[in-house]
Amino acid sequence: AADTGRLHGIREKDGTLVGGVLLRTL
């Protein structure tokens, strides 16, 4: 919301959350 970071999950084809990538700072 403050445009200072992002967090996204990596999901398998079946929708299972298995990891993530982020912008810790922006």
mmCIF file of all heavy atoms, coordinates in Angstrom:
data_MODEL
# 
_entry.id   MODEL 
# 
loop_
_atom_site.group_PDB 
_atom_site.id 
_atom_site.type_symbol 
_atom_site.label_atom_id 
_atom_site.label_alt_id 
_atom_site.label_comp_id 
_atom_site.label_asym_id 
_atom_site.label_entity_id 
_atom_site.label_seq_id 
_atom_site.pdbx_PDB_ins_code 
_atom_site.Cartn_x 
_atom_site.Cartn_y 
_atom_site.Cartn_z 
_atom_site.occupancy 
_atom_site.B_iso_or_equiv 
_atom_site.pdbx_formal_charge 
_atom_site.auth_seq_id 
_atom_site.auth_comp_id 
_atom_site.auth_asym_id 
_atom_site.auth_atom_id 
_atom_site.pdbx_PDB_model_num 
ATOM 1   N N   . ALA A 1 1  ? 0.823  -1.208  0.000   1.00 0.00 ? 1  ALA A N   1 
ATOM 2   C CA  . ALA A 1 1  ? 0.000  0.000   0.000   1.00 0.00 ? 1  ALA A CA  1 
ATOM 3   C C   . ALA A 1 1  ? 0.860  1.261   0.000   1.00 0.00 ? 1  ALA A C   1 
ATOM 4   O O   . ALA A 1 1  ? 0.504  2.257   -0.632  1.00 0.00 ? 1  ALA A O   1 
ATOM 5   C CB  . ALA A 1 1  ? -0.930 0.000   1.216   1.00 0.00 ? 1  ALA A CB  1 
ATOM 6   N N   . ALA A 1 2  ? 2.006  1.204   0.674   1.00 0.00 ? 2  ALA A N   1 
ATOM 7   C CA  . ALA A 1 2  ? 2.916  2.354   0.732   1.00 0.00 ? 2  ALA A CA  1 
ATOM 8   C C   . ALA A 1 2  ? 3.901  2.370   -0.435  1.00 0.00 ? 2  ALA A C   1 
ATOM 9   O O   . ALA A 1 2  ? 4.693  3.300   -0.564  1.00 0.00 ? 2  ALA A O   1 
ATOM 10  C CB  . ALA A 1 2  ? 3.690  2.334   2.051   1.00 0.00 ? 2  ALA A CB  1 
ATOM 11  N N   . ASP A 1 3  ? 3.841  1.334   -1.282  1.00 0.00 ? 3  ASP A N   1 
ATOM 12  C CA  . ASP A 1 3  ? 4.744  1.199   -2.432  1.00 0.00 ? 3  ASP A CA  1 
ATOM 13  C C   . ASP A 1 3  ? 6.205  1.087   -1.994  1.00 0.00 ? 3  ASP A C   1 
ATOM 14  O O   . ASP A 1 3  ? 7.103  1.652   -2.609  1.00 0.00 ? 3  ASP A O   1 
ATOM 15  C CB  . ASP A 1 3  ? 4.561  2.374   -3.402  1.00 0.00 ? 3  ASP A CB  1 
ATOM 16  C CG  . ASP A 1 3  ? 4.661  1.942   -4.856  1.00 0.00 ? 3  ASP A CG  1 
ATOM 17  O OD1 . ASP A 1 3  ? 4.712  0.733   -5.128  1.00 0.00 ? 3  ASP A OD1 1 
ATOM 18  O OD2 . ASP A 1 3  ? 4.709  2.835   -5.722  1.00 0.00 ? 3  ASP A OD2 1 
ATOM 19  N N   . THR A 1 4  ? 6.440  0.319   -0.917  1.00 0.00 ? 4  THR A N   1 
ATOM 20  C CA  . THR A 1 4  ? 7.799  0.137   -0.400  1.00 0.00 ? 4  THR A CA  1 
ATOM 21  C C   . THR A 1 4  ? 8.228  -1.329  -0.338  1.00 0.00 ? 4  THR A C   1 
ATOM 22  O O   . THR A 1 4  ? 9.307  -1.629  0.171   1.00 0.00 ? 4  THR A O   1 
ATOM 23  C CB  . THR A 1 4  ? 7.928  0.751   1.012   1.00 0.00 ? 4  THR A CB  1 
ATOM 24  O OG1 . THR A 1 4  ? 7.000  0.110   1.890   1.00 0.00 ? 4  THR A OG1 1 
ATOM 25  C CG2 . THR A 1 4  ? 7.696  2.258   0.979   1.00 0.00 ? 4  THR A CG2 1 
ATOM 26  N N   . GLY A 1 5  ? 7.407  -2.244  -0.857  1.00 0.00 ? 5  GLY A N   1 
ATOM 27  C CA  . GLY A 1 5  ? 7.759  -3.661  -0.876  1.00 0.00 ? 5  GLY A CA  1 
ATOM 28  C C   . GLY A 1 5  ? 6.649  -4.483  -1.485  1.00 0.00 ? 5  GLY A C   1 
ATOM 29  O O   . GLY A 1 5  ? 5.530  -3.989  -1.672  1.00 0.00 ? 5  GLY A O   1 
ATOM 30  N N   . ARG A 1 6  ? 6.950  -5.734  -1.798  1.00 0.00 ? 6  ARG A N   1 
ATOM 31  C CA  . ARG A 1 6  ? 5.962  -6.657  -2.379  1.00 0.00 ? 6  ARG A CA  1 
ATOM 32  C C   . ARG A 1 6  ? 6.269  -8.071  -1.909  1.00 0.00 ? 6  ARG A C   1 
ATOM 33  O O   . ARG A 1 6  ? 7.423  -8.427  -1.672  1.00 0.00 ? 6  ARG A O   1 
ATOM 34  C CB  . ARG A 1 6  ? 6.004  -6.653  -3.910  1.00 0.00 ? 6  ARG A CB  1 
ATOM 35  C CG  . ARG A 1 6  ? 5.589  -5.354  -4.576  1.00 0.00 ? 6  ARG A CG  1 
ATOM 36  C CD  . ARG A 1 6  ? 4.091  -5.111  -4.404  1.00 0.00 ? 6  ARG A CD  1 
ATOM 37  N NE  . ARG A 1 6  ? 3.619  -3.976  -5.160  1.00 0.00 ? 6  ARG A NE  1 
ATOM 38  C CZ  . ARG A 1 6  ? 3.740  -2.710  -4.802  1.00 0.00 ? 6  ARG A CZ  1 
ATOM 39  N NH1 . ARG A 1 6  ? 4.346  -2.384  -3.696  1.00 0.00 ? 6  ARG A NH1 1 
ATOM 40  N NH2 . ARG A 1 6  ? 3.245  -1.747  -5.546  1.00 0.00 ? 6  ARG A NH2 1 
ATOM 41  N N   . LEU A 1 7  ? 5.225  -8.903  -1.833  1.00 0.00 ? 7  LEU A N   1 
ATOM 42  C CA  . LEU A 1 7  ? 5.354  -10.297 -1.428  1.00 0.00 ? 7  LEU A CA  1 
ATOM 43  C C   . LEU A 1 7  ? 4.453  -11.144 -2.313  1.00 0.00 ? 7  LEU A C   1 
ATOM 44  O O   . LEU A 1 7  ? 3.254  -10.871 -2.416  1.00 0.00 ? 7  LEU A O   1 
ATOM 45  C CB  . LEU A 1 7  ? 4.945  -10.447 0.042   1.00 0.00 ? 7  LEU A CB  1 
ATOM 46  C CG  . LEU A 1 7  ? 4.926  -11.840 0.626   1.00 0.00 ? 7  LEU A CG  1 
ATOM 47  C CD1 . LEU A 1 7  ? 6.342  -12.422 0.662   1.00 0.00 ? 7  LEU A CD1 1 
ATOM 48  C CD2 . LEU A 1 7  ? 4.324  -11.821 2.027   1.00 0.00 ? 7  LEU A CD2 1 
ATOM 49  N N   . HIS A 1 8  ? 5.045  -12.149 -2.952  1.00 0.00 ? 8  HIS A N   1 
ATOM 50  C CA  . HIS A 1 8  ? 4.291  -13.031 -3.842  1.00 0.00 ? 8  HIS A CA  1 
ATOM 51  C C   . HIS A 1 8  ? 4.615  -14.483 -3.540  1.00 0.00 ? 8  HIS A C   1 
ATOM 52  O O   . HIS A 1 8  ? 5.777  -14.834 -3.269  1.00 0.00 ? 8  HIS A O   1 
ATOM 53  C CB  . HIS A 1 8  ? 4.641  -12.750 -5.308  1.00 0.00 ? 8  HIS A CB  1 
ATOM 54  C CG  . HIS A 1 8  ? 4.082  -11.466 -5.807  1.00 0.00 ? 8  HIS A CG  1 
ATOM 55  N ND1 . HIS A 1 8  ? 4.577  -10.234 -5.434  1.00 0.00 ? 8  HIS A ND1 1 
ATOM 56  C CD2 . HIS A 1 8  ? 3.057  -11.218 -6.641  1.00 0.00 ? 8  HIS A CD2 1 
ATOM 57  C CE1 . HIS A 1 8  ? 3.875  -9.284  -6.032  1.00 0.00 ? 8  HIS A CE1 1 
ATOM 58  N NE2 . HIS A 1 8  ? 2.948  -9.857  -6.763  1.00 0.00 ? 8  HIS A NE2 1 
ATOM 59  N N   . GLY A 1 9  ? 3.591  -15.307 -3.618  1.00 0.00 ? 9  GLY A N   1 
ATOM 60  C CA  . GLY A 1 9  ? 3.762  -16.735 -3.400  1.00 0.00 ? 9  GLY A CA  1 
ATOM 61  C C   . GLY A 1 9  ? 3.927  -17.474 -4.712  1.00 0.00 ? 9  GLY A C   1 
ATOM 62  O O   . GLY A 1 9  ? 3.379  -17.082 -5.740  1.00 0.00 ? 9  GLY A O   1 
ATOM 63  N N   . ILE A 1 10 ? 4.685  -18.554 -4.646  1.00 0.00 ? 10 ILE A N   1 
ATOM 64  C CA  . ILE A 1 10 ? 4.841  -19.461 -5.778  1.00 0.00 ? 10 ILE A CA  1 
ATOM 65  C C   . ILE A 1 10 ? 3.934  -20.655 -5.503  1.00 0.00 ? 10 ILE A C   1 
ATOM 66  O O   . ILE A 1 10 ? 4.042  -21.300 -4.454  1.00 0.00 ? 10 ILE A O   1 
ATOM 67  C CB  . ILE A 1 10 ? 6.302  -19.931 -5.925  1.00 0.00 ? 10 ILE A CB  1 
ATOM 68  C CG1 . ILE A 1 10 ? 7.232  -18.732 -6.126  1.00 0.00 ? 10 ILE A CG1 1 
ATOM 69  C CG2 . ILE A 1 10 ? 6.427  -20.933 -7.065  1.00 0.00 ? 10 ILE A CG2 1 
ATOM 70  C CD1 . ILE A 1 10 ? 8.717  -19.077 -6.022  1.00 0.00 ? 10 ILE A CD1 1 
ATOM 71  N N   . ARG A 1 11 ? 3.042  -20.934 -6.439  1.00 0.00 ? 11 ARG A N   1 
ATOM 72  C CA  . ARG A 1 11 ? 2.084  -22.031 -6.280  1.00 0.00 ? 11 ARG A CA  1 
ATOM 73  C C   . ARG A 1 11 ? 2.266  -23.069 -7.373  1.00 0.00 ? 11 ARG A C   1 
ATOM 74  O O   . ARG A 1 11 ? 2.504  -22.731 -8.528  1.00 0.00 ? 11 ARG A O   1 
ATOM 75  C CB  . ARG A 1 11 ? 0.654  -21.493 -6.338  1.00 0.00 ? 11 ARG A CB  1 
ATOM 76  C CG  . ARG A 1 11 ? 0.337  -20.559 -5.194  1.00 0.00 ? 11 ARG A CG  1 
ATOM 77  C CD  . ARG A 1 11 ? -1.113 -20.081 -5.251  1.00 0.00 ? 11 ARG A CD  1 
ATOM 78  N NE  . ARG A 1 11 ? -1.398 -19.200 -4.141  1.00 0.00 ? 11 ARG A NE  1 
ATOM 79  C CZ  . ARG A 1 11 ? -1.675 -19.610 -2.907  1.00 0.00 ? 11 ARG A CZ  1 
ATOM 80  N NH1 . ARG A 1 11 ? -1.735 -20.899 -2.652  1.00 0.00 ? 11 ARG A NH1 1 
ATOM 81  N NH2 . ARG A 1 11 ? -1.908 -18.737 -1.942  1.00 0.00 ? 11 ARG A NH2 1 
ATOM 82  N N   . GLU A 1 12 ? 2.130  -24.321 -6.955  1.00 0.00 ? 12 GLU A N   1 
ATOM 83  C CA  . GLU A 1 12 ? 2.135  -25.432 -7.904  1.00 0.00 ? 12 GLU A CA  1 
ATOM 84  C C   . GLU A 1 12 ? 0.852  -25.386 -8.735  1.00 0.00 ? 12 GLU A C   1 
ATOM 85  O O   . GLU A 1 12 ? -0.088 -24.656 -8.403  1.00 0.00 ? 12 GLU A O   1 
ATOM 86  C CB  . GLU A 1 12 ? 2.202  -26.767 -7.148  1.00 0.00 ? 12 GLU A CB  1 
ATOM 87  C CG  . GLU A 1 12 ? 3.441  -26.953 -6.327  1.00 0.00 ? 12 GLU A CG  1 
ATOM 88  C CD  . GLU A 1 12 ? 4.601  -27.509 -7.120  1.00 0.00 ? 12 GLU A CD  1 
ATOM 89  O OE1 . GLU A 1 12 ? 4.633  -27.357 -8.361  1.00 0.00 ? 12 GLU A OE1 1 
ATOM 90  O OE2 . GLU A 1 12 ? 5.483  -28.093 -6.489  1.00 0.00 ? 12 GLU A OE2 1 
ATOM 91  N N   . LYS A 1 13 ? 0.808  -26.210 -9.753  1.00 0.00 ? 13 LYS A N   1 
ATOM 92  C CA  . LYS A 1 13 ? -0.369 -26.291 -10.630 1.00 0.00 ? 13 LYS A CA  1 
ATOM 93  C C   . LYS A 1 13 ? -1.654 -26.548 -9.832  1.00 0.00 ? 13 LYS A C   1 
ATOM 94  O O   . LYS A 1 13 ? -2.701 -26.013 -10.142 1.00 0.00 ? 13 LYS A O   1 
ATOM 95  C CB  . LYS A 1 13 ? -0.153 -27.396 -11.660 1.00 0.00 ? 13 LYS A CB  1 
ATOM 96  C CG  . LYS A 1 13 ? -1.259 -27.547 -12.653 1.00 0.00 ? 13 LYS A CG  1 
ATOM 97  C CD  . LYS A 1 13 ? -0.936 -28.634 -13.658 1.00 0.00 ? 13 LYS A CD  1 
ATOM 98  C CE  . LYS A 1 13 ? -1.995 -28.702 -14.733 1.00 0.00 ? 13 LYS A CE  1 
ATOM 99  N NZ  . LYS A 1 13 ? -1.634 -29.680 -15.773 1.00 0.00 ? 13 LYS A NZ  1 
ATOM 100 N N   . ASP A 1 14 ? -1.552 -27.356 -8.777  1.00 0.00 ? 14 ASP A N   1 
ATOM 101 C CA  . ASP A 1 14 ? -2.732 -27.681 -7.971  1.00 0.00 ? 14 ASP A CA  1 
ATOM 102 C C   . ASP A 1 14 ? -3.089 -26.599 -6.954  1.00 0.00 ? 14 ASP A C   1 
ATOM 103 O O   . ASP A 1 14 ? -4.020 -26.760 -6.163  1.00 0.00 ? 14 ASP A O   1 
ATOM 104 C CB  . ASP A 1 14 ? -2.547 -29.023 -7.265  1.00 0.00 ? 14 ASP A CB  1 
ATOM 105 C CG  . ASP A 1 14 ? -1.473 -29.005 -6.179  1.00 0.00 ? 14 ASP A CG  1 
ATOM 106 O OD1 . ASP A 1 14 ? -0.862 -27.935 -5.936  1.00 0.00 ? 14 ASP A OD1 1 
ATOM 107 O OD2 . ASP A 1 14 ? -1.233 -30.066 -5.577  1.00 0.00 ? 14 ASP A OD2 1 
ATOM 108 N N   . GLY A 1 15 ? -2.337 -25.483 -6.937  1.00 0.00 ? 15 GLY A N   1 
ATOM 109 C CA  . GLY A 1 15 ? -2.622 -24.375 -6.041  1.00 0.00 ? 15 GLY A CA  1 
ATOM 110 C C   . GLY A 1 15 ? -1.841 -24.384 -4.739  1.00 0.00 ? 15 GLY A C   1 
ATOM 111 O O   . GLY A 1 15 ? -1.933 -23.445 -3.951  1.00 0.00 ? 15 GLY A O   1 
ATOM 112 N N   . THR A 1 16 ? -1.066 -25.443 -4.491  1.00 0.00 ? 16 THR A N   1 
ATOM 113 C CA  . THR A 1 16 ? -0.298 -25.537 -3.250  1.00 0.00 ? 16 THR A CA  1 
ATOM 114 C C   . THR A 1 16 ? 0.799  -24.481 -3.205  1.00 0.00 ? 16 THR A C   1 
ATOM 115 O O   . THR A 1 16 ? 1.599  -24.366 -4.133  1.00 0.00 ? 16 THR A O   1 
ATOM 116 C CB  . THR A 1 16 ? 0.344  -26.933 -3.111  1.00 0.00 ? 16 THR A CB  1 
ATOM 117 O OG1 . THR A 1 16 ? -0.680 -27.921 -3.172  1.00 0.00 ? 16 THR A OG1 1 
ATOM 118 C CG2 . THR A 1 16 ? 1.107  -27.067 -1.797  1.00 0.00 ? 16 THR A CG2 1 
ATOM 119 N N   . LEU A 1 17 ? 0.839  -23.728 -2.119  1.00 0.00 ? 17 LEU A N   1 
ATOM 120 C CA  . LEU A 1 17 ? 1.875  -22.729 -1.895  1.00 0.00 ? 17 LEU A CA  1 
ATOM 121 C C   . LEU A 1 17 ? 3.169  -23.444 -1.533  1.00 0.00 ? 17 LEU A C   1 
ATOM 122 O O   . LEU A 1 17 ? 3.215  -24.203 -0.567  1.00 0.00 ? 17 LEU A O   1 
ATOM 123 C CB  . LEU A 1 17 ? 1.449  -21.790 -0.768  1.00 0.00 ? 17 LEU A CB  1 
ATOM 124 C CG  . LEU A 1 17 ? 2.413  -20.674 -0.383  1.00 0.00 ? 17 LEU A CG  1 
ATOM 125 C CD1 . LEU A 1 17 ? 2.615  -19.704 -1.541  1.00 0.00 ? 17 LEU A CD1 1 
ATOM 126 C CD2 . LEU A 1 17 ? 1.891  -19.945 0.850   1.00 0.00 ? 17 LEU A CD2 1 
ATOM 127 N N   . VAL A 1 18 ? 4.249  -23.220 -2.315  1.00 0.00 ? 18 VAL A N   1 
ATOM 128 C CA  . VAL A 1 18 ? 5.516  -23.924 -2.087  1.00 0.00 ? 18 VAL A CA  1 
ATOM 129 C C   . VAL A 1 18 ? 6.698  -22.990 -1.876  1.00 0.00 ? 18 VAL A C   1 
ATOM 130 O O   . VAL A 1 18 ? 7.799  -23.448 -1.572  1.00 0.00 ? 18 VAL A O   1 
ATOM 131 C CB  . VAL A 1 18 ? 5.837  -24.914 -3.234  1.00 0.00 ? 18 VAL A CB  1 
ATOM 132 C CG1 . VAL A 1 18 ? 4.814  -26.042 -3.273  1.00 0.00 ? 18 VAL A CG1 1 
ATOM 133 C CG2 . VAL A 1 18 ? 5.936  -24.202 -4.574  1.00 0.00 ? 18 VAL A CG2 1 
ATOM 134 N N   . GLY A 1 19 ? 6.500  -21.690 -2.037  1.00 0.00 ? 19 GLY A N   1 
ATOM 135 C CA  . GLY A 1 19 ? 7.612  -20.755 -1.857  1.00 0.00 ? 19 GLY A CA  1 
ATOM 136 C C   . GLY A 1 19 ? 7.168  -19.343 -2.140  1.00 0.00 ? 19 GLY A C   1 
ATOM 137 O O   . GLY A 1 19 ? 5.975  -19.063 -2.270  1.00 0.00 ? 19 GLY A O   1 
ATOM 138 N N   . GLY A 1 20 ? 8.153  -18.475 -2.244  1.00 0.00 ? 20 GLY A N   1 
ATOM 139 C CA  . GLY A 1 20 ? 7.817  -17.094 -2.525  1.00 0.00 ? 20 GLY A CA  1 
ATOM 140 C C   . GLY A 1 20 ? 9.013  -16.269 -2.939  1.00 0.00 ? 20 GLY A C   1 
ATOM 141 O O   . GLY A 1 20 ? 10.172 -16.685 -2.779  1.00 0.00 ? 20 GLY A O   1 
ATOM 142 N N   . VAL A 1 21 ? 8.709  -15.145 -3.507  1.00 0.00 ? 21 VAL A N   1 
ATOM 143 C CA  . VAL A 1 21 ? 9.699  -14.118 -3.834  1.00 0.00 ? 21 VAL A CA  1 
ATOM 144 C C   . VAL A 1 21 ? 9.161  -12.803 -3.301  1.00 0.00 ? 21 VAL A C   1 
ATOM 145 O O   . VAL A 1 21 ? 7.957  -12.619 -3.162  1.00 0.00 ? 21 VAL A O   1 
ATOM 146 C CB  . VAL A 1 21 ? 10.000 -14.019 -5.349  1.00 0.00 ? 21 VAL A CB  1 
ATOM 147 C CG1 . VAL A 1 21 ? 10.721 -15.265 -5.842  1.00 0.00 ? 21 VAL A CG1 1 
ATOM 148 C CG2 . VAL A 1 21 ? 8.749  -13.762 -6.154  1.00 0.00 ? 21 VAL A CG2 1 
ATOM 149 N N   . LEU A 1 22 ? 10.086 -11.910 -2.989  1.00 0.00 ? 22 LEU A N   1 
ATOM 150 C CA  . LEU A 1 22 ? 9.649  -10.649 -2.429  1.00 0.00 ? 22 LEU A CA  1 
ATOM 151 C C   . LEU A 1 22 ? 10.598 -9.534  -2.805  1.00 0.00 ? 22 LEU A C   1 
ATOM 152 O O   . LEU A 1 22 ? 11.747 -9.782  -3.192  1.00 0.00 ? 22 LEU A O   1 
ATOM 153 C CB  . LEU A 1 22 ? 9.561  -10.759 -0.901  1.00 0.00 ? 22 LEU A CB  1 
ATOM 154 C CG  . LEU A 1 22 ? 10.837 -11.114 -0.161  1.00 0.00 ? 22 LEU A CG  1 
ATOM 155 C CD1 . LEU A 1 22 ? 11.432 -9.880  0.493   1.00 0.00 ? 22 LEU A CD1 1 
ATOM 156 C CD2 . LEU A 1 22 ? 10.564 -12.159 0.889   1.00 0.00 ? 22 LEU A CD2 1 
ATOM 157 N N   . LEU A 1 23 ? 10.066 -8.356  -2.725  1.00 0.00 ? 23 LEU A N   1 
ATOM 158 C CA  . LEU A 1 23 ? 10.890 -7.154  -2.728  1.00 0.00 ? 23 LEU A CA  1 
ATOM 159 C C   . LEU A 1 23 ? 10.863 -6.701  -1.283  1.00 0.00 ? 23 LEU A C   1 
ATOM 160 O O   . LEU A 1 23 ? 9.880  -6.115  -0.818  1.00 0.00 ? 23 LEU A O   1 
ATOM 161 C CB  . LEU A 1 23 ? 10.330 -6.092  -3.678  1.00 0.00 ? 23 LEU A CB  1 
ATOM 162 C CG  . LEU A 1 23 ? 10.310 -6.485  -5.148  1.00 0.00 ? 23 LEU A CG  1 
ATOM 163 C CD1 . LEU A 1 23 ? 9.711  -5.363  -5.988  1.00 0.00 ? 23 LEU A CD1 1 
ATOM 164 C CD2 . LEU A 1 23 ? 11.688 -6.860  -5.651  1.00 0.00 ? 23 LEU A CD2 1 
ATOM 165 N N   . ARG A 1 24 ? 11.916 -7.049  -0.546  1.00 0.00 ? 24 ARG A N   1 
ATOM 166 C CA  . ARG A 1 24 ? 11.994 -6.720  0.878   1.00 0.00 ? 24 ARG A CA  1 
ATOM 167 C C   . ARG A 1 24 ? 11.980 -5.218  1.076   1.00 0.00 ? 24 ARG A C   1 
ATOM 168 O O   . ARG A 1 24 ? 11.362 -4.704  1.999   1.00 0.00 ? 24 ARG A O   1 
ATOM 169 C CB  . ARG A 1 24 ? 13.252 -7.334  1.501   1.00 0.00 ? 24 ARG A CB  1 
ATOM 170 C CG  . ARG A 1 24 ? 13.211 -7.380  3.016   1.00 0.00 ? 24 ARG A CG  1 
ATOM 171 C CD  . ARG A 1 24 ? 14.491 -7.906  3.598   1.00 0.00 ? 24 ARG A CD  1 
ATOM 172 N NE  . ARG A 1 24 ? 15.587 -6.965  3.462   1.00 0.00 ? 24 ARG A NE  1 
ATOM 173 C CZ  . ARG A 1 24 ? 15.725 -5.859  4.184   1.00 0.00 ? 24 ARG A CZ  1 
ATOM 174 N NH1 . ARG A 1 24 ? 14.835 -5.545  5.084   1.00 0.00 ? 24 ARG A NH1 1 
ATOM 175 N NH2 . ARG A 1 24 ? 16.755 -5.056  3.995   1.00 0.00 ? 24 ARG A NH2 1 
ATOM 176 N N   . THR A 1 25 ? 12.667 -4.518  0.187   1.00 0.00 ? 25 THR A N   1 
ATOM 177 C CA  . THR A 1 25 ? 12.634 -3.061  0.160   1.00 0.00 ? 25 THR A CA  1 
ATOM 178 C C   . THR A 1 25 ? 12.370 -2.622  -1.272  1.00 0.00 ? 25 THR A C   1 
ATOM 179 O O   . THR A 1 25 ? 12.727 -3.321  -2.226  1.00 0.00 ? 25 THR A O   1 
ATOM 180 C CB  . THR A 1 25 ? 13.955 -2.436  0.651   1.00 0.00 ? 25 THR A CB  1 
ATOM 181 O OG1 . THR A 1 25 ? 15.014 -2.850  -0.213  1.00 0.00 ? 25 THR A OG1 1 
ATOM 182 C CG2 . THR A 1 25 ? 14.263 -2.852  2.080   1.00 0.00 ? 25 THR A CG2 1 
ATOM 183 N N   . LEU A 1 26 ? 11.753 -1.468  -1.409  1.00 0.00 ? 26 LEU A N   1 
ATOM 184 C CA  . LEU A 1 26 ? 11.460 -0.878  -2.708  1.00 0.00 ? 26 LEU A CA  1 
ATOM 185 C C   . LEU A 1 26 ? 11.531 0.632   -2.531  1.00 0.00 ? 26 LEU A C   1 
ATOM 186 O O   . LEU A 1 26 ? 10.646 1.235   -1.935  1.00 0.00 ? 26 LEU A O   1 
ATOM 187 C CB  . LEU A 1 26 ? 10.074 -1.312  -3.190  1.00 0.00 ? 26 LEU A CB  1 
ATOM 188 C CG  . LEU A 1 26 ? 9.566  -0.768  -4.511  1.00 0.00 ? 26 LEU A CG  1 
ATOM 189 C CD1 . LEU A 1 26 ? 10.434 -1.248  -5.676  1.00 0.00 ? 26 LEU A CD1 1 
ATOM 190 C CD2 . LEU A 1 26 ? 8.111  -1.184  -4.733  1.00 0.00 ? 26 LEU A CD2 1 
# 
